[in-house]
Each structure stands twice: as C-alpha cells, then as structure tokens.
Amino acid sequence: TGMRVGAAFLLWLVKHRGYTGESAQLLATDLDLKFWTKCTRCGPMREWLLAKLPAQDAPAAGPPREEGLVFRQFFDPETSTFTYVLGCAATQEAVLVDPVLEQKERDLATLKELGLQLKYVINTHAHADHITSGGSMRKDMPEVKTMISKASGANADIHIQEGDKVTFGNLALEVLATPGHTDGCLTYYLAGSPGMAFTGDALLIRGCGRTDFQQGDARVLYESVHGKIFTLPGGTLVYPGHDYKGRNVSTVDEEKRFNPRLTQSKEEFAKLMAELKLPYPKKIEDAVPANMVCGVQE
C-alpha cells in the first residue's frame, strides 16, 4: 500500500542519507507522508518504524561512500553547533570543520579512535556563538594548520577563497564563497555520490544564518545560497553549522522545496530577515574577538 511505501522510503533515506531518528520524523512531516501525518490506524506501523530508526543522540556516521571517506558529525548542545570529522581511509589524513573549544578533547579522542592524523582545522567563518579550538590544537600539535576565508580578516595559517581546494589524502573539499551571514562565509563541497556540502551558517536546515551583524547582508546571502549552493546537484547532502530543532542533515532539493525563507523572492527574504529582531548570541563578546585570532588570546 501507499502507507507501506512511505515507511519504506523513509527507512531508505535514513540508511542512504545518514538521517538521525528525529531528523527522519521531521522529514516525514515535511513530506506529508500519510502514514505519519494523517492515518489514524497506522499506530503499529509508526511504532515499528520508530524501533528501526537510529537513536536521536547517536553521532551520525554519514551515508555509505565509495571514495573511502571516514565521516563523523558531532553536536555541541550548549551552542547547537555541528562539528565534522572528515578523513581519507587510504591515507588517514583528516580535516576538522568548525570545532568548538569546549569539545576539543572529544574531537581529539575521536581522531585517535579512528586512527586519523589531523592535517587541517577549517572554519566556515569567524563564529559569533562559540570559540574555535583551532588555535589551541595548533599549539598542542604544530604540524596541524588552521584555515579560514581570506575575506574574514581573521588569523590563520592558511587563508583560502573561492576556487581553492582543501586536500586531505586522496580527497579534496572545493571552496565556495557564500557571504551574506558574514563577508567571510565559505561552503566546503565534497563531490561524490552523493556529494556533501558543509554550509556553515549560510544555509541551515529549513533556515539560514542571520544577517543583522558581522557584515551581514540579506540580499548577498540570498544570492550566495541560490547561486552557489542551490546550483549543486539536487541530491547533495547539506550539513549545516547549527540546528535548533533536532535535524542533522538535509539535501539541496529539500531546501529548494521546503526552506520557508529561501523559497521566497529576494525582496521578500530581505524584508523577513530585517524583521527577525533576534537577541545576540550569548557568547558574542568573547567569541568574535577570540575567533579573529584563531581562538587563542595571549
């Protein structure tokens, strides 16, 4: 029946796209899968499905990949920040994306457990909500190099920009400039089947980064997302810098269809962003100056 097809489809997405249980449930609502949203007699089917879904607090290992990628996604509950470990299985070289200072020991332990050698710590931008652990890791391990956008104006060993590649072992992340949340925002794209886009605060799941401070510009952000991220293959997995509702991964096609902000016109989007009136991040006064010097203040 159509109900069973919907349940099977959701399980397929969990297996092949790396959704957590909570993210899969939210997606079922977005897709209006009838067995989940409207069927009054589907309780046993929903219970069966919930038993098959991964634990909501389990770190995401990501989808199966042919390229020999080692992948882990971690979450910092205090700042709702995602950190990503990407490693080359053949050479054991690895990069760490958007690490949080307070989670440094967790990240280092993971690298050790996976047998990976950290090559680069890369940030998507100079964050306002947490302090990067990049500078601290570099102090402990001088062979590790830090990276950030040249346009950010922040300190790092290597400054990168649109068109550069971040190579680790046999793999490489393509650098896309996606300003708008800040001038220095980057998206890192790993080609593959499926591809993976690490979008930082430019594109969130069913949302986007704010544009009311740190050189924010709503129209520039709209152009970045539509011109750089939404032009990637539709099945590309979107891994954001934050999430506040239990989601862990999306796709380009999903965001083009369901993102309530970025499905509007540019002018509607700019008006919406101007009217958000959000409080500033709790750690902004400490995080911004610290991240301008790679998280290490002498």
C-alpha atoms as a PDB file:
ATOM      1  CA  THR A   1       0.000   0.000   0.000  1.00  0.00           C
ATOM      2  CA  GLY A   2       0.952   3.655  -0.224  1.00  0.00           C
ATOM      3  CA  MET A   3       1.389   3.767   3.557  1.00  0.00           C
ATOM      4  CA  ARG A   4       3.952   0.959   3.492  1.00  0.00           C
ATOM      5  CA  VAL A   5       5.759   2.533   0.558  1.00  0.00           C
ATOM      6  CA  GLY A   6       6.051   5.765   2.558  1.00  0.00           C
ATOM      7  CA  ALA A   7       7.509   3.930   5.556  1.00  0.00           C
ATOM      8  CA  ALA A   8       9.968   2.019   3.364  1.00  0.00           C
ATOM      9  CA  PHE A   9      11.001   5.249   1.632  1.00  0.00           C
ATOM     10  CA  LEU A  10      11.727   6.910   4.977  1.00  0.00           C
ATOM     11  CA  LEU A  11      13.896   3.979   6.078  1.00  0.00           C
ATOM     12  CA  TRP A  12      15.770   4.172   2.773  1.00  0.00           C
ATOM     13  CA  LEU A  13      16.523   7.839   3.428  1.00  0.00           C
ATOM     14  CA  VAL A  14      17.781   7.028   6.924  1.00  0.00           C
ATOM     15  CA  LYS A  15      20.143   4.374   5.571  1.00  0.00           C
ATOM     16  CA  HIS A  16      21.433   6.169   2.491  1.00  0.00           C
ATOM     17  CA  ARG A  17      21.497   9.798   3.660  1.00  0.00           C
ATOM     18  CA  GLY A  18      22.517   9.407   7.290  1.00  0.00           C
ATOM     19  CA  TYR A  19      19.432  10.917   8.967  1.00  0.00           C
ATOM     20  CA  THR A  20      19.043  10.592  12.728  1.00  0.00           C
ATOM     21  CA  GLY A  21      15.718   9.317  14.048  1.00  0.00           C
ATOM     22  CA  GLU A  22      14.480  12.778  14.966  1.00  0.00           C
ATOM     23  CA  SER A  23      15.501  14.256  11.634  1.00  0.00           C
ATOM     24  CA  ALA A  24      13.675  11.444   9.816  1.00  0.00           C
ATOM     25  CA  GLN A  25      10.491  12.113  11.775  1.00  0.00           C
ATOM     26  CA  LEU A  26      10.607  15.817  10.935  1.00  0.00           C
ATOM     27  CA  LEU A  27      11.175  14.972   7.286  1.00  0.00           C
ATOM     28  CA  ALA A  28       8.116  12.687   7.293  1.00  0.00           C
ATOM     29  CA  THR A  29       6.080  15.706   8.379  1.00  0.00           C
ATOM     30  CA  ASP A  30       7.646  17.960   5.720  1.00  0.00           C
ATOM     31  CA  LEU A  31       6.912  15.385   3.005  1.00  0.00           C
ATOM     32  CA  ASP A  32       3.373  14.863   4.353  1.00  0.00           C
ATOM     33  CA  LEU A  33       3.792  11.080   4.360  1.00  0.00           C
ATOM     34  CA  LYS A  34       0.260   9.890   5.048  1.00  0.00           C
ATOM     35  CA  PHE A  35       1.153   7.016   7.405  1.00  0.00           C
ATOM     36  CA  TRP A  36       2.883   9.587   9.622  1.00  0.00           C
ATOM     37  CA  THR A  37       0.645  12.644   9.410  1.00  0.00           C
ATOM     38  CA  LYS A  38      -2.909  11.566   8.608  1.00  0.00           C
ATOM     39  CA  CYS A  39      -3.552   7.850   9.089  1.00  0.00           C
ATOM     40  CA  THR A  40      -5.468   7.169  12.332  1.00  0.00           C
ATOM     41  CA  ARG A  41      -4.979   3.389  12.051  1.00  0.00           C
ATOM     42  CA  CYS A  42      -1.234   3.398  11.450  1.00  0.00           C
ATOM     43  CA  GLY A  43      -0.091   3.377  15.073  1.00  0.00           C
ATOM     44  CA  PRO A  44       1.512  -0.091  14.829  1.00  0.00           C
ATOM     45  CA  MET A  45       3.325   0.918  11.623  1.00  0.00           C
ATOM     46  CA  ARG A  46       4.656   4.086  13.245  1.00  0.00           C
ATOM     47  CA  GLU A  47       5.806   2.126  16.307  1.00  0.00           C
ATOM     48  CA  TRP A  48       7.555  -0.398  14.052  1.00  0.00           C
ATOM     49  CA  LEU A  49       9.277   2.410  12.161  1.00  0.00           C
ATOM     50  CA  LEU A  50      10.393   4.193  15.338  1.00  0.00           C
ATOM     51  CA  ALA A  51      12.022   0.968  16.521  1.00  0.00           C
ATOM     52  CA  LYS A  52      14.023   0.869  13.275  1.00  0.00           C
ATOM     53  CA  LEU A  53      15.237   4.473  13.428  1.00  0.00           C
ATOM     54  CA  PRO A  54      18.665   5.266  14.915  1.00  0.00           C
ATOM     55  CA  ALA A  55      18.898   6.747  18.394  1.00  0.00           C
ATOM     56  CA  GLN A  56      18.363  10.501  18.334  1.00  0.00           C
ATOM     57  CA  ASP A  57      21.550  11.206  20.284  1.00  0.00           C
ATOM     58  CA  ALA A  58      23.806   8.940  18.222  1.00  0.00           C
ATOM     59  CA  PRO A  59      26.610  10.657  16.267  1.00  0.00           C
ATOM     60  CA  ALA A  60      25.921  10.466  12.556  1.00  0.00           C
ATOM     61  CA  ALA A  61      28.329   8.291  10.611  1.00  0.00           C
ATOM     62  CA  GLY A  62      27.016   9.507   7.274  1.00  0.00           C
ATOM     63  CA  PRO A  63      25.953   7.607   4.179  1.00  0.00           C
ATOM     64  CA  PRO A  64      27.967   4.820   2.570  1.00  0.00           C
ATOM     65  CA  ARG A  65      30.531   6.242   0.145  1.00  0.00           C
ATOM     66  CA  GLU A  66      32.749   4.684  -2.485  1.00  0.00           C
ATOM     67  CA  GLU A  67      35.558   7.231  -2.157  1.00  0.00           C
ATOM     68  CA  GLY A  68      36.931   5.896   1.127  1.00  0.00           C
ATOM     69  CA  LEU A  69      35.670   8.741   3.308  1.00  0.00           C
ATOM     70  CA  VAL A  70      35.656   8.444   7.086  1.00  0.00           C
ATOM     71  CA  PHE A  71      32.951  10.776   8.380  1.00  0.00           C
ATOM     72  CA  ARG A  72      31.556  11.777  11.753  1.00  0.00           C
ATOM     73  CA  GLN A  73      29.135  14.519  12.749  1.00  0.00           C
ATOM     74  CA  PHE A  74      29.103  15.833  16.315  1.00  0.00           C
ATOM     75  CA  PHE A  75      26.873  18.300  18.160  1.00  0.00           C
ATOM     76  CA  ASP A  76      27.623  20.785  20.926  1.00  0.00           C
ATOM     77  CA  PRO A  77      24.377  21.182  22.908  1.00  0.00           C
ATOM     78  CA  GLU A  78      25.353  24.473  24.558  1.00  0.00           C
ATOM     79  CA  THR A  79      25.742  26.343  21.262  1.00  0.00           C
ATOM     80  CA  SER A  80      23.818  23.980  18.935  1.00  0.00           C
ATOM     81  CA  THR A  81      26.964  23.763  16.796  1.00  0.00           C
ATOM     82  CA  PHE A  82      27.820  20.886  14.471  1.00  0.00           C
ATOM     83  CA  THR A  83      31.447  19.799  14.104  1.00  0.00           C
ATOM     84  CA  TYR A  84      32.553  17.461  11.322  1.00  0.00           C
ATOM     85  CA  VAL A  85      35.416  14.985  11.059  1.00  0.00           C
ATOM     86  CA  LEU A  86      36.370  14.018   7.502  1.00  0.00           C
ATOM     87  CA  GLY A  87      39.171  11.568   6.876  1.00  0.00           C
ATOM     88  CA  CYS A  88      40.734   9.715   3.964  1.00  0.00           C
ATOM     89  CA  ALA A  89      40.554   5.996   4.732  1.00  0.00           C
ATOM     90  CA  ALA A  90      43.514   5.247   2.458  1.00  0.00           C
ATOM     91  CA  THR A  91      45.993   7.737   3.958  1.00  0.00           C
ATOM     92  CA  GLN A  92      44.416   8.511   7.370  1.00  0.00           C
ATOM     93  CA  GLU A  93      44.747  12.272   6.771  1.00  0.00           C
ATOM     94  CA  ALA A  94      41.827  14.237   8.210  1.00  0.00           C
ATOM     95  CA  VAL A  95      40.254  17.672   8.497  1.00  0.00           C
ATOM     96  CA  LEU A  96      38.091  19.060  11.268  1.00  0.00           C
ATOM     97  CA  VAL A  97      35.334  21.511  10.335  1.00  0.00           C
ATOM     98  CA  ASP A  98      34.048  24.135  12.809  1.00  0.00           C
ATOM     99  CA  PRO A  99      35.354  22.652  16.081  1.00  0.00           C
ATOM    100  CA  VAL A 100      34.234  24.053  19.450  1.00  0.00           C
ATOM    101  CA  LEU A 101      36.863  24.795  22.098  1.00  0.00           C
ATOM    102  CA  GLU A 102      34.933  23.078  24.898  1.00  0.00           C
ATOM    103  CA  GLN A 103      34.696  19.902  22.785  1.00  0.00           C
ATOM    104  CA  LYS A 104      38.405  19.712  21.966  1.00  0.00           C
ATOM    105  CA  GLU A 105      39.055  16.519  23.946  1.00  0.00           C
ATOM    106  CA  ARG A 106      36.056  14.776  22.374  1.00  0.00           C
ATOM    107  CA  ASP A 107      37.289  15.611  18.883  1.00  0.00           C
ATOM    108  CA  LEU A 108      40.872  14.548  19.579  1.00  0.00           C
ATOM    109  CA  ALA A 109      39.682  11.287  21.125  1.00  0.00           C
ATOM    110  CA  THR A 110      37.578  10.569  18.038  1.00  0.00           C
ATOM    111  CA  LEU A 111      40.509  11.174  15.708  1.00  0.00           C
ATOM    112  CA  LYS A 112      42.654   8.822  17.778  1.00  0.00           C
ATOM    113  CA  GLU A 113      39.977   6.117  17.893  1.00  0.00           C
ATOM    114  CA  LEU A 114      39.544   6.277  14.125  1.00  0.00           C
ATOM    115  CA  GLY A 115      43.298   6.185  13.519  1.00  0.00           C
ATOM    116  CA  LEU A 116      43.275   9.561  11.763  1.00  0.00           C
ATOM    117  CA  GLN A 117      46.031  12.175  11.600  1.00  0.00           C
ATOM    118  CA  LEU A 118      44.681  15.717  11.727  1.00  0.00           C
ATOM    119  CA  LYS A 119      46.017  17.863   8.880  1.00  0.00           C
ATOM    120  CA  TYR A 120      43.779  20.945   8.884  1.00  0.00           C
ATOM    121  CA  VAL A 121      41.307  22.676  11.172  1.00  0.00           C
ATOM    122  CA  ILE A 122      38.992  24.638   8.894  1.00  0.00           C
ATOM    123  CA  ASN A 123      36.286  27.116   9.820  1.00  0.00           C
ATOM    124  CA  THR A 124      33.365  28.152   7.660  1.00  0.00           C
ATOM    125  CA  HIS A 125      33.612  31.696   9.072  1.00  0.00           C
ATOM    126  CA  ALA A 126      34.582  33.668  12.182  1.00  0.00           C
ATOM    127  CA  HIS A 127      31.869  32.489  14.542  1.00  0.00           C
ATOM    128  CA  ALA A 128      29.940  34.656  17.000  1.00  0.00           C
ATOM    129  CA  ASP A 129      28.423  31.897  19.138  1.00  0.00           C
ATOM    130  CA  HIS A 130      31.404  29.733  20.085  1.00  0.00           C
ATOM    131  CA  ILE A 131      35.195  29.862  20.167  1.00  0.00           C
ATOM    132  CA  THR A 132      37.079  27.656  17.738  1.00  0.00           C
ATOM    133  CA  SER A 133      39.523  25.085  19.105  1.00  0.00           C
ATOM    134  CA  GLY A 134      41.777  25.544  16.064  1.00  0.00           C
ATOM    135  CA  GLY A 135      44.392  27.727  17.722  1.00  0.00           C
ATOM    136  CA  SER A 136      44.520  25.546  20.816  1.00  0.00           C
ATOM    137  CA  MET A 137      45.009  22.407  18.714  1.00  0.00           C
ATOM    138  CA  ARG A 138      47.760  24.095  16.725  1.00  0.00           C
ATOM    139  CA  LYS A 139      49.590  24.944  19.963  1.00  0.00           C
ATOM    140  CA  ASP A 140      49.500  21.293  21.003  1.00  0.00           C
ATOM    141  CA  MET A 141      50.217  19.919  17.520  1.00  0.00           C
ATOM    142  CA  PRO A 142      52.384  22.321  15.479  1.00  0.00           C
ATOM    143  CA  GLU A 143      52.013  20.144  12.380  1.00  0.00           C
ATOM    144  CA  VAL A 144      48.292  20.970  12.236  1.00  0.00           C
ATOM    145  CA  LYS A 145      47.411  24.024  10.123  1.00  0.00           C
ATOM    146  CA  THR A 146      44.363  26.260  10.513  1.00  0.00           C
ATOM    147  CA  MET A 147      42.314  27.625   7.620  1.00  0.00           C
ATOM    148  CA  ILE A 148      39.721  30.347   7.221  1.00  0.00           C
ATOM    149  CA  SER A 149      38.494  32.653   4.479  1.00  0.00           C
ATOM    150  CA  LYS A 150      40.812  35.442   3.387  1.00  0.00           C
ATOM    151  CA  ALA A 151      37.766  37.740   3.380  1.00  0.00           C
ATOM    152  CA  SER A 152      37.117  37.063   7.074  1.00  0.00           C
ATOM    153  CA  GLY A 153      40.136  39.102   8.158  1.00  0.00           C
ATOM    154  CA  ALA A 154      40.808  36.514  10.874  1.00  0.00           C
ATOM    155  CA  ASN A 155      44.186  34.988  11.687  1.00  0.00           C
ATOM    156  CA  ALA A 156      45.011  31.517  10.358  1.00  0.00           C
ATOM    157  CA  ASP A 157      47.964  29.630   8.947  1.00  0.00           C
ATOM    158  CA  ILE A 158      46.334  29.473   5.519  1.00  0.00           C
ATOM    159  CA  HIS A 159      43.787  31.869   4.028  1.00  0.00           C
ATOM    160  CA  ILE A 160      41.517  30.405   1.366  1.00  0.00           C
ATOM    161  CA  GLN A 161      38.993  31.700  -1.128  1.00  0.00           C
ATOM    162  CA  GLU A 162      36.613  30.705  -3.923  1.00  0.00           C
ATOM    163  CA  GLY A 163      38.096  28.049  -6.192  1.00  0.00           C
ATOM    164  CA  ASP A 164      40.692  26.738  -3.748  1.00  0.00           C
ATOM    165  CA  LYS A 165      40.784  23.085  -2.727  1.00  0.00           C
ATOM    166  CA  VAL A 166      41.434  21.642   0.723  1.00  0.00           C
ATOM    167  CA  THR A 167      43.182  18.329   0.086  1.00  0.00           C
ATOM    168  CA  PHE A 168      43.449  15.545   2.647  1.00  0.00           C
ATOM    169  CA  GLY A 169      44.817  12.262   1.368  1.00  0.00           C
ATOM    170  CA  ASN A 170      43.014  11.261  -1.824  1.00  0.00           C
ATOM    171  CA  LEU A 171      40.069  13.579  -1.137  1.00  0.00           C
ATOM    172  CA  ALA A 172      39.532  17.304  -1.595  1.00  0.00           C
ATOM    173  CA  LEU A 173      36.971  19.862  -0.500  1.00  0.00           C
ATOM    174  CA  GLU A 174      36.100  22.544  -3.036  1.00  0.00           C
ATOM    175  CA  VAL A 175      35.876  26.035  -1.537  1.00  0.00           C
ATOM    176  CA  LEU A 176      32.791  28.111  -2.402  1.00  0.00           C
ATOM    177  CA  ALA A 177      32.431  31.720  -1.257  1.00  0.00           C
ATOM    178  CA  THR A 178      28.958  32.118   0.274  1.00  0.00           C
ATOM    179  CA  PRO A 179      28.943  35.535   2.009  1.00  0.00           C
ATOM    180  CA  GLY A 180      25.897  37.231   3.475  1.00  0.00           C
ATOM    181  CA  HIS A 181      25.854  35.985   7.064  1.00  0.00           C
ATOM    182  CA  THR A 182      29.390  37.401   7.234  1.00  0.00           C
ATOM    183  CA  ASP A 183      31.721  38.607   4.483  1.00  0.00           C
ATOM    184  CA  GLY A 184      33.971  35.600   5.010  1.00  0.00           C
ATOM    185  CA  CYS A 185      31.489  32.723   4.936  1.00  0.00           C
ATOM    186  CA  LEU A 186      32.593  29.651   2.986  1.00  0.00           C
ATOM    187  CA  THR A 187      30.875  26.435   1.969  1.00  0.00           C
ATOM    188  CA  TYR A 188      33.019  23.318   1.569  1.00  0.00           C
ATOM    189  CA  TYR A 189      31.830  20.884  -1.101  1.00  0.00           C
ATOM    190  CA  LEU A 190      32.965  17.266  -1.400  1.00  0.00           C
ATOM    191  CA  ALA A 191      31.987  15.756  -4.748  1.00  0.00           C
ATOM    192  CA  GLY A 192      30.668  12.210  -4.729  1.00  0.00           C
ATOM    193  CA  SER A 193      27.561  10.055  -4.867  1.00  0.00           C
ATOM    194  CA  PRO A 194      26.038  11.814  -3.053  1.00  0.00           C
ATOM    195  CA  GLY A 195      28.042  14.997  -2.711  1.00  0.00           C
ATOM    196  CA  MET A 196      28.323  16.719   0.652  1.00  0.00           C
ATOM    197  CA  ALA A 197      28.118  20.470   1.318  1.00  0.00           C
ATOM    198  CA  PHE A 198      29.257  21.896   4.643  1.00  0.00           C
ATOM    199  CA  THR A 199      27.390  25.179   4.598  1.00  0.00           C
ATOM    200  CA  GLY A 200      28.240  26.737   7.957  1.00  0.00           C
ATOM    201  CA  ASP A 201      25.697  29.450   8.763  1.00  0.00           C
ATOM    202  CA  ALA A 202      24.914  30.360   5.152  1.00  0.00           C
ATOM    203  CA  LEU A 203      22.294  27.635   4.730  1.00  0.00           C
ATOM    204  CA  LEU A 204      20.682  25.885   7.687  1.00  0.00           C
ATOM    205  CA  ILE A 205      18.065  23.151   7.553  1.00  0.00           C
ATOM    206  CA  ARG A 206      14.815  24.983   6.761  1.00  0.00           C
ATOM    207  CA  GLY A 207      16.513  28.261   7.581  1.00  0.00           C
ATOM    208  CA  CYS A 208      19.685  30.339   7.215  1.00  0.00           C
ATOM    209  CA  GLY A 209      22.126  32.384   9.223  1.00  0.00           C
ATOM    210  CA  ARG A 210      21.110  35.803  10.493  1.00  0.00           C
ATOM    211  CA  THR A 211      22.188  38.944   8.647  1.00  0.00           C
ATOM    212  CA  ASP A 212      21.909  41.695  11.266  1.00  0.00           C
ATOM    213  CA  PHE A 213      25.557  41.878  12.434  1.00  0.00           C
ATOM    214  CA  GLN A 214      29.136  40.970  11.371  1.00  0.00           C
ATOM    215  CA  GLN A 215      28.789  42.493   7.877  1.00  0.00           C
ATOM    216  CA  GLY A 216      25.501  40.658   7.348  1.00  0.00           C
ATOM    217  CA  ASP A 217      23.578  41.406   4.154  1.00  0.00           C
ATOM    218  CA  ALA A 218      20.350  39.559   3.403  1.00  0.00           C
ATOM    219  CA  ARG A 219      20.424  40.127  -0.348  1.00  0.00           C
ATOM    220  CA  VAL A 220      24.019  38.926  -0.592  1.00  0.00           C
ATOM    221  CA  LEU A 221      23.145  35.810   1.421  1.00  0.00           C
ATOM    222  CA  TYR A 222      20.168  35.088  -0.837  1.00  0.00           C
ATOM    223  CA  GLU A 223      22.398  35.339  -3.910  1.00  0.00           C
ATOM    224  CA  SER A 224      25.035  33.112  -2.299  1.00  0.00           C
ATOM    225  CA  VAL A 225      22.599  30.337  -1.477  1.00  0.00           C
ATOM    226  CA  HIS A 226      20.745  30.459  -4.793  1.00  0.00           C
ATOM    227  CA  GLY A 227      23.861  30.977  -6.906  1.00  0.00           C
ATOM    228  CA  LYS A 228      26.325  28.638  -5.177  1.00  0.00           C
ATOM    229  CA  ILE A 229      24.535  26.054  -3.017  1.00  0.00           C
ATOM    230  CA  PHE A 230      21.230  25.597  -4.841  1.00  0.00           C
ATOM    231  CA  THR A 231      23.139  25.029  -8.094  1.00  0.00           C
ATOM    232  CA  LEU A 232      24.845  21.925  -6.671  1.00  0.00           C
ATOM    233  CA  PRO A 233      23.359  18.524  -7.625  1.00  0.00           C
ATOM    234  CA  GLY A 234      19.945  18.100  -6.014  1.00  0.00           C
ATOM    235  CA  GLY A 235      20.930  15.021  -4.035  1.00  0.00           C
ATOM    236  CA  THR A 236      23.868  16.797  -2.397  1.00  0.00           C
ATOM    237  CA  LEU A 237      23.727  16.328   1.365  1.00  0.00           C
ATOM    238  CA  VAL A 238      23.570  19.616   3.261  1.00  0.00           C
ATOM    239  CA  TYR A 239      25.446  19.609   6.566  1.00  0.00           C
ATOM    240  CA  PRO A 240      24.891  22.941   8.368  1.00  0.00           C
ATOM    241  CA  GLY A 241      26.812  24.720  11.095  1.00  0.00           C
ATOM    242  CA  HIS A 242      23.896  24.658  13.529  1.00  0.00           C
ATOM    243  CA  ASP A 243      20.461  23.243  14.137  1.00  0.00           C
ATOM    244  CA  TYR A 244      17.953  24.063  16.859  1.00  0.00           C
ATOM    245  CA  LYS A 245      15.171  21.540  16.169  1.00  0.00           C
ATOM    246  CA  GLY A 246      16.827  18.115  16.167  1.00  0.00           C
ATOM    247  CA  ARG A 247      17.626  17.896  12.457  1.00  0.00           C
ATOM    248  CA  ASN A 248      21.064  16.737  11.348  1.00  0.00           C
ATOM    249  CA  VAL A 249      21.144  16.662   7.537  1.00  0.00           C
ATOM    250  CA  SER A 250      19.158  17.810   4.521  1.00  0.00           C
ATOM    251  CA  THR A 251      19.625  17.901   0.757  1.00  0.00           C
ATOM    252  CA  VAL A 252      19.803  20.677  -1.807  1.00  0.00           C
ATOM    253  CA  ASP A 253      16.495  19.538  -3.308  1.00  0.00           C
ATOM    254  CA  GLU A 254      14.791  19.528   0.102  1.00  0.00           C
ATOM    255  CA  GLU A 255      15.922  23.051   0.889  1.00  0.00           C
ATOM    256  CA  LYS A 256      14.908  24.345  -2.531  1.00  0.00           C
ATOM    257  CA  ARG A 257      11.459  22.896  -1.894  1.00  0.00           C
ATOM    258  CA  PHE A 258      10.845  23.354   1.830  1.00  0.00           C
ATOM    259  CA  ASN A 259      13.068  26.160   3.160  1.00  0.00           C
ATOM    260  CA  PRO A 260      10.492  28.762   4.267  1.00  0.00           C
ATOM    261  CA  ARG A 261      12.903  31.682   3.939  1.00  0.00           C
ATOM    262  CA  LEU A 262      14.799  30.892   0.764  1.00  0.00           C
ATOM    263  CA  THR A 263      11.810  29.822  -1.320  1.00  0.00           C
ATOM    264  CA  GLN A 264      10.651  33.451  -1.297  1.00  0.00           C
ATOM    265  CA  SER A 265      11.759  36.216  -3.643  1.00  0.00           C
ATOM    266  CA  LYS A 266      14.934  38.135  -2.826  1.00  0.00           C
ATOM    267  CA  GLU A 267      12.993  41.199  -1.663  1.00  0.00           C
ATOM    268  CA  GLU A 268      10.588  39.125   0.454  1.00  0.00           C
ATOM    269  CA  PHE A 269      13.587  37.390   2.000  1.00  0.00           C
ATOM    270  CA  ALA A 270      15.301  40.709   2.782  1.00  0.00           C
ATOM    271  CA  LYS A 271      12.124  42.019   4.444  1.00  0.00           C
ATOM    272  CA  LEU A 272      11.728  38.847   6.501  1.00  0.00           C
ATOM    273  CA  MET A 273      15.346  38.954   7.685  1.00  0.00           C
ATOM    274  CA  ALA A 274      15.055  42.636   8.642  1.00  0.00           C
ATOM    275  CA  GLU A 275      12.047  41.844  10.832  1.00  0.00           C
ATOM    276  CA  LEU A 276      13.527  38.907  12.784  1.00  0.00           C
ATOM    277  CA  LYS A 277      14.727  41.032  15.751  1.00  0.00           C
ATOM    278  CA  LEU A 278      16.733  38.193  17.298  1.00  0.00           C
ATOM    279  CA  PRO A 279      18.775  38.559  20.502  1.00  0.00           C
ATOM    280  CA  TYR A 280      22.531  38.477  20.005  1.00  0.00           C
ATOM    281  CA  PRO A 281      24.362  35.197  20.701  1.00  0.00           C
ATOM    282  CA  LYS A 282      25.248  34.826  24.386  1.00  0.00           C
ATOM    283  CA  LYS A 283      28.977  34.448  23.721  1.00  0.00           C
ATOM    284  CA  ILE A 284      29.357  37.095  21.018  1.00  0.00           C
ATOM    285  CA  GLU A 285      31.544  39.462  23.077  1.00  0.00           C
ATOM    286  CA  ASP A 286      34.044  36.686  23.785  1.00  0.00           C
ATOM    287  CA  ALA A 287      33.699  34.605  20.627  1.00  0.00           C
ATOM    288  CA  VAL A 288      34.209  37.221  17.921  1.00  0.00           C
ATOM    289  CA  PRO A 289      37.497  38.711  19.194  1.00  0.00           C
ATOM    290  CA  ALA A 290      38.805  35.238  20.076  1.00  0.00           C
ATOM    291  CA  ASN A 291      37.975  33.829  16.661  1.00  0.00           C
ATOM    292  CA  MET A 292      39.674  36.727  14.922  1.00  0.00           C
ATOM    293  CA  VAL A 293      42.904  35.358  16.426  1.00  0.00           C
ATOM    294  CA  CYS A 294      42.074  31.690  15.754  1.00  0.00           C
ATOM    295  CA  GLY A 295      40.585  31.159  19.209  1.00  0.00           C
ATOM    296  CA  VAL A 296      43.824  31.827  21.089  1.00  0.00           C
ATOM    297  CA  GLN A 297      44.141  35.082  23.017  1.00  0.00           C
ATOM    298  CA  GLU A 298      47.545  35.755  24.536  1.00  0.00           C
END
